[in-house]
Amino acid sequence: MSTAAALPVLNLLANEGEGGNHDSLNPYLTGGAALFVLLLLLFVTTRFNRDR
């Protein structure tokens, strides 16, 4: 299937959804958790990089 043939199908699928986030998902909590995980990974990476 070529890209030109796939675009109308994907557009139809995207428009059929209820559209929106789930009620229980708080964007600030999700973003804060992602930031915390990334900072934790950065801390762990820098602690184990002792060769410099």
C-alpha atoms as a PDB file:
ATOM      1  CA  MET A   1       0.000   0.000   0.000  1.00  0.00           C
ATOM      2  CA  SER A   2       1.464   3.324  -1.004  1.00  0.00           C
ATOM      3  CA  THR A   3       1.548   6.402   1.178  1.00  0.00           C
ATOM      4  CA  ALA A   4      -1.053   8.167  -0.936  1.00  0.00           C
ATOM      5  CA  ALA A   5      -3.460   5.258  -0.510  1.00  0.00           C
ATOM      6  CA  ALA A   6      -2.817   4.967   3.229  1.00  0.00           C
ATOM      7  CA  LEU A   7      -3.495   8.616   4.079  1.00  0.00           C
ATOM      8  CA  PRO A   8      -7.308   8.556   3.664  1.00  0.00           C
ATOM      9  CA  VAL A   9      -7.560   5.351   5.694  1.00  0.00           C
ATOM     10  CA  LEU A  10      -5.458   6.791   8.514  1.00  0.00           C
ATOM     11  CA  ASN A  11      -7.438  10.025   8.436  1.00  0.00           C
ATOM     12  CA  LEU A  12     -10.687   8.080   8.741  1.00  0.00           C
ATOM     13  CA  LEU A  13      -9.350   6.094  11.692  1.00  0.00           C
ATOM     14  CA  ALA A  14      -8.104   9.233  13.436  1.00  0.00           C
ATOM     15  CA  ASN A  15     -11.446  11.030  13.084  1.00  0.00           C
ATOM     16  CA  GLU A  16     -13.534   8.142  14.408  1.00  0.00           C
ATOM     17  CA  GLY A  17     -12.073   8.260  17.901  1.00  0.00           C
ATOM     18  CA  GLU A  18     -13.800   9.899  20.811  1.00  0.00           C
ATOM     19  CA  GLY A  19     -10.937  12.355  20.725  1.00  0.00           C
ATOM     20  CA  GLY A  20      -9.272  13.359  23.927  1.00  0.00           C
ATOM     21  CA  ASN A  21      -7.418  12.160  26.905  1.00  0.00           C
ATOM     22  CA  HIS A  22      -8.664   9.637  29.366  1.00  0.00           C
ATOM     23  CA  ASP A  23     -10.326  11.300  32.341  1.00  0.00           C
ATOM     24  CA  SER A  24      -7.897   9.819  34.847  1.00  0.00           C
ATOM     25  CA  LEU A  25      -4.754  11.080  33.078  1.00  0.00           C
ATOM     26  CA  ASN A  26      -3.453  14.313  34.530  1.00  0.00           C
ATOM     27  CA  PRO A  27      -0.974  15.910  32.102  1.00  0.00           C
ATOM     28  CA  TYR A  28       0.959  17.659  34.885  1.00  0.00           C
ATOM     29  CA  LEU A  29       1.348  14.434  36.857  1.00  0.00           C
ATOM     30  CA  THR A  30       2.391  12.519  33.741  1.00  0.00           C
ATOM     31  CA  GLY A  31       4.915  15.190  32.753  1.00  0.00           C
ATOM     32  CA  GLY A  32       6.258  15.443  36.288  1.00  0.00           C
ATOM     33  CA  ALA A  33       6.702  11.682  36.492  1.00  0.00           C
ATOM     34  CA  ALA A  34       8.492  11.633  33.121  1.00  0.00           C
ATOM     35  CA  LEU A  35      10.776  14.473  34.240  1.00  0.00           C
ATOM     36  CA  PHE A  36      11.555  12.655  37.493  1.00  0.00           C
ATOM     37  CA  VAL A  37      12.408   9.432  35.644  1.00  0.00           C
ATOM     38  CA  LEU A  38      14.673  11.246  33.193  1.00  0.00           C
ATOM     39  CA  LEU A  39      16.467  13.113  35.976  1.00  0.00           C
ATOM     40  CA  LEU A  40      16.903   9.855  37.870  1.00  0.00           C
ATOM     41  CA  LEU A  41      18.403   8.225  34.780  1.00  0.00           C
ATOM     42  CA  LEU A  42      20.716  11.209  34.327  1.00  0.00           C
ATOM     43  CA  PHE A  43      21.841  10.951  37.957  1.00  0.00           C
ATOM     44  CA  VAL A  44      22.482   7.209  37.707  1.00  0.00           C
ATOM     45  CA  THR A  45      24.387   7.644  34.440  1.00  0.00           C
ATOM     46  CA  THR A  46      26.623  10.355  35.843  1.00  0.00           C
ATOM     47  CA  ARG A  47      27.312   8.401  39.074  1.00  0.00           C
ATOM     48  CA  PHE A  48      28.463   5.314  37.187  1.00  0.00           C
ATOM     49  CA  ASN A  49      30.621   7.266  34.723  1.00  0.00           C
ATOM     50  CA  ARG A  50      33.740   7.429  36.926  1.00  0.00           C
ATOM     51  CA  ASP A  51      36.334   7.248  34.146  1.00  0.00           C
ATOM     52  CA  ARG A  52      36.548  11.009  33.650  1.00  0.00           C
END
